[in-house]
Amino acid sequence: MQNLSPKAQQRGLTMFSFLFFAIVFISIAMLAMKLVPAYIEFFSVKKILSTMGQDGELKSKSNAEIRTDFLKRASVGYVTVVKPEDLSVSRPGGVPLIEVAYVFRTPLVANISLVVDFSASSDPNAAPVEVE
């Protein structure tokens, strides 16, 4: 049996390293709690636009009817950030193309906010829309 000094036998975190890891973990958890709902809503918007783009009757609908259809689907999907007025409807080649670009902004602490740009389209091959 070997006699070791009390310092050599000690293992574990110091109080400062514990506080450091706790602050890092809490910061990551706080970011996740702010970002996850935004991404869930974005994927809902993306799914709504995708299913609208596959609708066979889309060609015969007016822009107002397309926006009303989006409003109905958005209320079922709990989409609150994107409004029907935010939709951009164009008709290249006679087929309606529905696009939306929006900014999600949420405060973190004091004067610091988290800003995320989202864009979605009814065309799965469309390039992302630029947000100004």
N, C-alpha and C. Protein backbone atom coordinates (compact mmCIF):
# COMPACT_ATOMS: atom_id res chain seq x y z
N MET A 1 0.84 -1.17 0.00
CA MET A 1 0.00 0.00 0.00
C MET A 1 0.88 1.24 0.00
N GLN A 2 0.50 2.15 -0.84
CA GLN A 2 1.31 3.34 -1.04
C GLN A 2 0.67 4.52 -0.32
N ASN A 3 1.46 5.32 0.35
CA ASN A 3 0.96 6.52 1.02
C ASN A 3 0.95 7.67 0.03
N LEU A 4 -0.24 8.13 -0.31
CA LEU A 4 -0.36 9.26 -1.23
C LEU A 4 -0.80 10.48 -0.44
N SER A 5 -0.34 11.62 -0.88
CA SER A 5 -0.76 12.85 -0.21
C SER A 5 -2.24 13.09 -0.49
N PRO A 6 -2.94 13.83 0.36
CA PRO A 6 -4.38 14.06 0.16
C PRO A 6 -4.69 14.71 -1.19
N LYS A 7 -3.81 15.57 -1.70
CA LYS A 7 -4.06 16.20 -2.99
C LYS A 7 -3.99 15.19 -4.13
N ALA A 8 -3.12 14.23 -4.05
CA ALA A 8 -2.97 13.23 -5.10
C ALA A 8 -4.18 12.30 -5.15
N GLN A 9 -4.88 12.14 -4.04
CA GLN A 9 -6.03 11.25 -4.00
C GLN A 9 -7.31 11.93 -4.50
N GLN A 10 -7.35 13.24 -4.54
CA GLN A 10 -8.56 13.95 -4.91
C GLN A 10 -8.78 13.89 -6.42
N ARG A 11 -10.04 13.73 -6.81
CA ARG A 11 -10.42 13.71 -8.21
C ARG A 11 -11.73 14.47 -8.36
N GLY A 12 -11.98 14.98 -9.53
CA GLY A 12 -13.25 15.66 -9.77
C GLY A 12 -13.05 17.08 -10.25
N LEU A 13 -14.15 17.81 -10.33
CA LEU A 13 -14.13 19.18 -10.82
C LEU A 13 -13.93 20.16 -9.69
N THR A 14 -13.27 21.25 -10.02
CA THR A 14 -13.20 22.34 -9.05
C THR A 14 -14.50 23.13 -9.15
N MET A 15 -14.72 24.00 -8.23
CA MET A 15 -15.94 24.80 -8.25
C MET A 15 -15.99 25.69 -9.49
N PHE A 16 -14.86 26.26 -9.88
CA PHE A 16 -14.83 27.13 -11.06
C PHE A 16 -15.11 26.35 -12.34
N SER A 17 -14.55 25.17 -12.48
CA SER A 17 -14.81 24.39 -13.70
C SER A 17 -16.26 23.90 -13.72
N PHE A 18 -16.82 23.57 -12.56
CA PHE A 18 -18.23 23.20 -12.49
C PHE A 18 -19.11 24.38 -12.94
N LEU A 19 -18.84 25.57 -12.44
CA LEU A 19 -19.61 26.76 -12.83
C LEU A 19 -19.47 27.04 -14.33
N PHE A 20 -18.26 26.88 -14.85
CA PHE A 20 -18.03 27.10 -16.28
C PHE A 20 -18.89 26.14 -17.11
N PHE A 21 -18.84 24.86 -16.78
CA PHE A 21 -19.62 23.88 -17.54
C PHE A 21 -21.13 24.09 -17.35
N ALA A 22 -21.54 24.52 -16.17
CA ALA A 22 -22.96 24.81 -15.93
C ALA A 22 -23.42 25.98 -16.78
N ILE A 23 -22.62 27.03 -16.88
CA ILE A 23 -22.98 28.20 -17.70
C ILE A 23 -23.04 27.82 -19.17
N VAL A 24 -22.08 27.04 -19.65
CA VAL A 24 -22.09 26.60 -21.05
C VAL A 24 -23.34 25.75 -21.33
N PHE A 25 -23.63 24.81 -20.44
CA PHE A 25 -24.80 23.94 -20.62
C PHE A 25 -26.10 24.75 -20.61
N ILE A 26 -26.22 25.68 -19.68
CA ILE A 26 -27.43 26.51 -19.61
C ILE A 26 -27.57 27.39 -20.85
N SER A 27 -26.47 27.92 -21.35
CA SER A 27 -26.51 28.74 -22.57
C SER A 27 -26.98 27.93 -23.77
N ILE A 28 -26.46 26.74 -23.92
CA ILE A 28 -26.87 25.87 -25.03
C ILE A 28 -28.33 25.48 -24.89
N ALA A 29 -28.77 25.17 -23.69
CA ALA A 29 -30.18 24.82 -23.46
C ALA A 29 -31.09 26.00 -23.76
N MET A 30 -30.67 27.20 -23.39
CA MET A 30 -31.47 28.40 -23.64
C MET A 30 -31.60 28.66 -25.15
N LEU A 31 -30.51 28.50 -25.88
CA LEU A 31 -30.56 28.65 -27.34
C LEU A 31 -31.48 27.62 -27.97
N ALA A 32 -31.39 26.39 -27.50
CA ALA A 32 -32.24 25.32 -28.05
C ALA A 32 -33.71 25.61 -27.78
N MET A 33 -34.03 26.10 -26.59
CA MET A 33 -35.43 26.40 -26.26
C MET A 33 -35.98 27.53 -27.12
N LYS A 34 -35.11 28.43 -27.59
CA LYS A 34 -35.55 29.53 -28.45
C LYS A 34 -35.62 29.11 -29.92
N LEU A 35 -34.69 28.24 -30.36
CA LEU A 35 -34.60 27.88 -31.77
C LEU A 35 -35.51 26.74 -32.19
N VAL A 36 -35.70 25.76 -31.36
CA VAL A 36 -36.49 24.58 -31.74
C VAL A 36 -37.91 24.95 -32.18
N PRO A 37 -38.65 25.78 -31.44
CA PRO A 37 -39.99 26.15 -31.92
C PRO A 37 -39.98 26.89 -33.26
N ALA A 38 -38.96 27.72 -33.49
CA ALA A 38 -38.86 28.44 -34.76
C ALA A 38 -38.66 27.47 -35.92
N TYR A 39 -37.81 26.47 -35.73
CA TYR A 39 -37.58 25.50 -36.79
C TYR A 39 -38.78 24.57 -36.99
N ILE A 40 -39.48 24.24 -35.92
CA ILE A 40 -40.69 23.41 -36.06
C ILE A 40 -41.71 24.16 -36.90
N GLU A 41 -41.87 25.45 -36.62
CA GLU A 41 -42.83 26.25 -37.39
C GLU A 41 -42.36 26.40 -38.84
N PHE A 42 -41.05 26.56 -39.07
CA PHE A 42 -40.54 26.66 -40.43
C PHE A 42 -40.82 25.38 -41.22
N PHE A 43 -40.60 24.23 -40.59
CA PHE A 43 -40.87 22.97 -41.30
C PHE A 43 -42.36 22.79 -41.56
N SER A 44 -43.21 23.34 -40.70
CA SER A 44 -44.65 23.32 -40.97
C SER A 44 -44.99 24.17 -42.18
N VAL A 45 -44.41 25.36 -42.26
CA VAL A 45 -44.63 26.24 -43.42
C VAL A 45 -44.15 25.57 -44.69
N LYS A 46 -42.97 24.96 -44.61
CA LYS A 46 -42.40 24.27 -45.77
C LYS A 46 -43.32 23.13 -46.24
N LYS A 47 -43.86 22.38 -45.29
CA LYS A 47 -44.75 21.27 -45.63
C LYS A 47 -46.05 21.80 -46.25
N ILE A 48 -46.59 22.88 -45.69
CA ILE A 48 -47.82 23.46 -46.24
C ILE A 48 -47.61 23.90 -47.68
N LEU A 49 -46.51 24.62 -47.93
CA LEU A 49 -46.24 25.09 -49.30
C LEU A 49 -45.99 23.93 -50.25
N SER A 50 -45.33 22.90 -49.77
CA SER A 50 -45.07 21.73 -50.61
C SER A 50 -46.37 21.03 -51.00
N THR A 51 -47.26 20.83 -50.03
CA THR A 51 -48.54 20.17 -50.35
C THR A 51 -49.42 21.06 -51.22
N MET A 52 -49.33 22.36 -51.03
CA MET A 52 -50.10 23.28 -51.88
C MET A 52 -49.58 23.22 -53.32
N GLY A 53 -48.26 23.09 -53.47
CA GLY A 53 -47.67 23.01 -54.80
C GLY A 53 -48.03 21.75 -55.55
N GLN A 54 -48.37 20.69 -54.82
CA GLN A 54 -48.75 19.42 -55.44
C GLN A 54 -50.25 19.32 -55.69
N ASP A 55 -51.01 20.32 -55.26
CA ASP A 55 -52.45 20.32 -55.44
C ASP A 55 -52.78 20.48 -56.93
N GLY A 56 -53.59 19.60 -57.45
CA GLY A 56 -53.96 19.63 -58.87
C GLY A 56 -54.80 20.83 -59.25
N GLU A 57 -55.53 21.39 -58.31
CA GLU A 57 -56.40 22.54 -58.59
C GLU A 57 -55.68 23.87 -58.42
N LEU A 58 -54.41 23.86 -58.09
CA LEU A 58 -53.67 25.09 -57.82
C LEU A 58 -53.64 26.01 -59.03
N LYS A 59 -53.56 25.43 -60.22
CA LYS A 59 -53.46 26.22 -61.45
C LYS A 59 -54.68 27.11 -61.67
N SER A 60 -55.84 26.62 -61.27
CA SER A 60 -57.07 27.38 -61.51
C SER A 60 -57.41 28.35 -60.39
N LYS A 61 -56.63 28.38 -59.30
CA LYS A 61 -56.94 29.25 -58.18
C LYS A 61 -56.34 30.64 -58.38
N SER A 62 -57.07 31.63 -57.89
CA SER A 62 -56.56 33.00 -57.92
C SER A 62 -55.58 33.19 -56.75
N ASN A 63 -54.87 34.31 -56.76
CA ASN A 63 -53.94 34.58 -55.67
C ASN A 63 -54.66 34.69 -54.33
N ALA A 64 -55.84 35.29 -54.33
CA ALA A 64 -56.62 35.41 -53.09
C ALA A 64 -57.04 34.04 -52.58
N GLU A 65 -57.43 33.15 -53.48
CA GLU A 65 -57.80 31.79 -53.08
C GLU A 65 -56.61 31.02 -52.53
N ILE A 66 -55.44 31.24 -53.13
CA ILE A 66 -54.22 30.59 -52.65
C ILE A 66 -53.89 31.06 -51.23
N ARG A 67 -54.02 32.37 -51.00
CA ARG A 67 -53.74 32.91 -49.67
C ARG A 67 -54.76 32.40 -48.64
N THR A 68 -56.02 32.30 -49.04
CA THR A 68 -57.05 31.77 -48.13
C THR A 68 -56.77 30.31 -47.80
N ASP A 69 -56.37 29.54 -48.82
CA ASP A 69 -56.02 28.13 -48.61
C ASP A 69 -54.84 28.03 -47.64
N PHE A 70 -53.84 28.89 -47.81
CA PHE A 70 -52.69 28.89 -46.90
C PHE A 70 -53.14 29.21 -45.48
N LEU A 71 -54.02 30.20 -45.33
CA LEU A 71 -54.50 30.59 -44.00
C LEU A 71 -55.18 29.42 -43.30
N LYS A 72 -55.99 28.67 -44.03
CA LYS A 72 -56.67 27.51 -43.43
C LYS A 72 -55.67 26.46 -43.00
N ARG A 73 -54.73 26.17 -43.88
CA ARG A 73 -53.72 25.14 -43.54
C ARG A 73 -52.81 25.60 -42.41
N ALA A 74 -52.49 26.89 -42.39
CA ALA A 74 -51.61 27.43 -41.35
C ALA A 74 -52.28 27.39 -39.98
N SER A 75 -53.59 27.65 -39.95
CA SER A 75 -54.27 27.62 -38.65
C SER A 75 -54.33 26.20 -38.10
N VAL A 76 -54.43 25.21 -38.97
CA VAL A 76 -54.42 23.81 -38.53
C VAL A 76 -53.01 23.41 -38.07
N GLY A 77 -51.98 23.94 -38.76
CA GLY A 77 -50.60 23.59 -38.43
C GLY A 77 -49.97 24.48 -37.37
N TYR A 78 -50.76 25.34 -36.72
CA TYR A 78 -50.28 26.23 -35.66
C TYR A 78 -49.16 27.15 -36.13
N VAL A 79 -49.26 27.64 -37.35
CA VAL A 79 -48.28 28.58 -37.89
C VAL A 79 -48.77 29.98 -37.55
N THR A 80 -47.96 30.72 -36.81
CA THR A 80 -48.36 32.07 -36.40
C THR A 80 -47.45 33.16 -36.96
N VAL A 81 -46.24 32.81 -37.36
CA VAL A 81 -45.29 33.82 -37.82
C VAL A 81 -45.61 34.28 -39.24
N VAL A 82 -45.97 33.37 -40.12
CA VAL A 82 -46.22 33.69 -41.52
C VAL A 82 -47.71 33.96 -41.73
N LYS A 83 -48.01 35.11 -42.29
CA LYS A 83 -49.38 35.50 -42.60
C LYS A 83 -49.60 35.36 -44.10
N PRO A 84 -50.85 35.24 -44.54
CA PRO A 84 -51.10 35.11 -45.99
C PRO A 84 -50.57 36.29 -46.79
N GLU A 85 -50.51 37.47 -46.18
CA GLU A 85 -49.98 38.64 -46.88
C GLU A 85 -48.47 38.53 -47.16
N ASP A 86 -47.79 37.68 -46.42
CA ASP A 86 -46.35 37.49 -46.59
C ASP A 86 -46.00 36.62 -47.79
N LEU A 87 -47.00 35.93 -48.34
CA LEU A 87 -46.76 35.03 -49.47
C LEU A 87 -46.51 35.82 -50.73
N SER A 88 -45.59 35.32 -51.53
CA SER A 88 -45.33 35.88 -52.86
C SER A 88 -45.78 34.83 -53.87
N VAL A 89 -46.78 35.19 -54.68
CA VAL A 89 -47.32 34.25 -55.66
C VAL A 89 -46.96 34.76 -57.06
N SER A 90 -46.21 33.95 -57.80
CA SER A 90 -45.88 34.27 -59.19
C SER A 90 -46.33 33.10 -60.05
N ARG A 91 -46.44 33.34 -61.34
CA ARG A 91 -46.93 32.29 -62.24
C ARG A 91 -46.00 32.10 -63.44
N PRO A 92 -44.80 31.58 -63.20
CA PRO A 92 -43.91 31.30 -64.34
C PRO A 92 -44.42 30.08 -65.11
N GLY A 93 -44.64 30.25 -66.38
CA GLY A 93 -45.14 29.14 -67.20
C GLY A 93 -46.59 28.80 -66.90
N GLY A 94 -47.33 29.72 -66.26
CA GLY A 94 -48.74 29.49 -65.98
C GLY A 94 -49.01 28.67 -64.73
N VAL A 95 -47.96 28.18 -64.08
CA VAL A 95 -48.12 27.39 -62.85
C VAL A 95 -47.78 28.27 -61.66
N PRO A 96 -48.68 28.40 -60.69
CA PRO A 96 -48.39 29.25 -59.53
C PRO A 96 -47.20 28.73 -58.72
N LEU A 97 -46.32 29.66 -58.39
CA LEU A 97 -45.18 29.38 -57.53
C LEU A 97 -45.36 30.22 -56.27
N ILE A 98 -45.49 29.55 -55.14
CA ILE A 98 -45.73 30.24 -53.87
C ILE A 98 -44.43 30.25 -53.09
N GLU A 99 -44.00 31.45 -52.69
CA GLU A 99 -42.77 31.61 -51.94
C GLU A 99 -43.01 32.49 -50.73
N VAL A 100 -42.21 32.28 -49.71
CA VAL A 100 -42.26 33.13 -48.53
C VAL A 100 -40.84 33.25 -47.97
N ALA A 101 -40.50 34.45 -47.53
CA ALA A 101 -39.23 34.69 -46.86
C ALA A 101 -39.54 35.55 -45.64
N TYR A 102 -39.05 35.13 -44.51
CA TYR A 102 -39.33 35.88 -43.29
C TYR A 102 -38.17 35.77 -42.32
N VAL A 103 -38.17 36.68 -41.37
CA VAL A 103 -37.12 36.74 -40.36
C VAL A 103 -37.74 36.41 -39.02
N PHE A 104 -37.14 35.48 -38.31
CA PHE A 104 -37.56 35.15 -36.95
C PHE A 104 -36.60 35.84 -36.00
N ARG A 105 -37.14 36.64 -35.10
CA ARG A 105 -36.31 37.38 -34.14
C ARG A 105 -36.88 37.14 -32.74
N THR A 106 -36.00 36.76 -31.83
CA THR A 106 -36.43 36.54 -30.45
C THR A 106 -35.36 37.10 -29.50
N PRO A 107 -35.77 37.79 -28.46
CA PRO A 107 -34.78 38.32 -27.52
C PRO A 107 -34.18 37.21 -26.66
N LEU A 108 -32.90 37.32 -26.39
CA LEU A 108 -32.23 36.36 -25.50
C LEU A 108 -32.09 36.96 -24.10
N VAL A 109 -31.22 37.93 -23.97
CA VAL A 109 -31.04 38.64 -22.70
C VAL A 109 -30.71 40.10 -23.00
N ALA A 110 -31.20 40.98 -22.18
CA ALA A 110 -30.92 42.42 -22.26
C ALA A 110 -31.03 42.93 -23.71
N ASN A 111 -29.92 43.35 -24.31
CA ASN A 111 -29.92 43.91 -25.66
C ASN A 111 -29.49 42.91 -26.72
N ILE A 112 -29.55 41.64 -26.42
CA ILE A 112 -29.09 40.61 -27.36
C ILE A 112 -30.30 39.85 -27.89
N SER A 113 -30.39 39.78 -29.22
CA SER A 113 -31.48 39.05 -29.87
C SER A 113 -30.91 37.98 -30.78
N LEU A 114 -31.71 36.97 -31.01
CA LEU A 114 -31.36 35.90 -31.94
C LEU A 114 -32.18 36.11 -33.20
N VAL A 115 -31.52 36.18 -34.36
CA VAL A 115 -32.19 36.44 -35.62
C VAL A 115 -31.88 35.31 -36.59
N VAL A 116 -32.95 34.73 -37.18
CA VAL A 116 -32.80 33.64 -38.14
C VAL A 116 -33.63 33.96 -39.37
N ASP A 117 -33.04 33.83 -40.56
CA ASP A 117 -33.74 34.05 -41.83
C ASP A 117 -34.25 32.72 -42.35
N PHE A 118 -35.52 32.69 -42.74
CA PHE A 118 -36.12 31.49 -43.31
C PHE A 118 -36.70 31.83 -44.68
N SER A 119 -36.67 30.88 -45.58
CA SER A 119 -37.35 31.01 -46.87
C SER A 119 -37.82 29.63 -47.31
N ALA A 120 -39.02 29.61 -47.91
CA ALA A 120 -39.59 28.34 -48.37
C ALA A 120 -40.34 28.60 -49.67
N SER A 121 -40.56 27.54 -50.42
CA SER A 121 -41.21 27.66 -51.71
C SER A 121 -42.04 26.41 -51.97
N SER A 122 -43.04 26.57 -52.82
CA SER A 122 -43.85 25.41 -53.21
C SER A 122 -43.11 24.54 -54.22
N ASP A 123 -42.06 25.08 -54.82
CA ASP A 123 -41.24 24.33 -55.78
C ASP A 123 -40.03 23.75 -55.04
N PRO A 124 -39.91 22.43 -54.95
CA PRO A 124 -38.79 21.85 -54.20
C PRO A 124 -37.43 22.13 -54.84
N ASN A 125 -37.40 22.50 -56.13
CA ASN A 125 -36.14 22.76 -56.81
C ASN A 125 -35.79 24.24 -56.86
N ALA A 126 -36.63 25.09 -56.26
CA ALA A 126 -36.40 26.53 -56.32
C ALA A 126 -35.23 26.93 -55.42
N ALA A 127 -34.49 27.95 -55.86
CA ALA A 127 -33.42 28.49 -55.06
C ALA A 127 -34.01 29.28 -53.89
N PRO A 128 -33.31 29.37 -52.77
CA PRO A 128 -33.82 30.12 -51.63
C PRO A 128 -34.07 31.59 -51.99
N VAL A 129 -35.11 32.15 -51.42
CA VAL A 129 -35.47 33.53 -51.66
C VAL A 129 -34.60 34.42 -50.77
N GLU A 130 -34.11 35.54 -51.32
CA GLU A 130 -33.30 36.47 -50.55
C GLU A 130 -34.19 37.32 -49.66
N VAL A 131 -33.79 37.48 -48.39
CA VAL A 131 -34.53 38.33 -47.46
C VAL A 131 -33.82 39.66 -47.42
N GLU A 132 -34.58 40.75 -47.56
CA GLU A 132 -33.98 42.09 -47.51
C GLU A 132 -34.23 42.73 -46.18
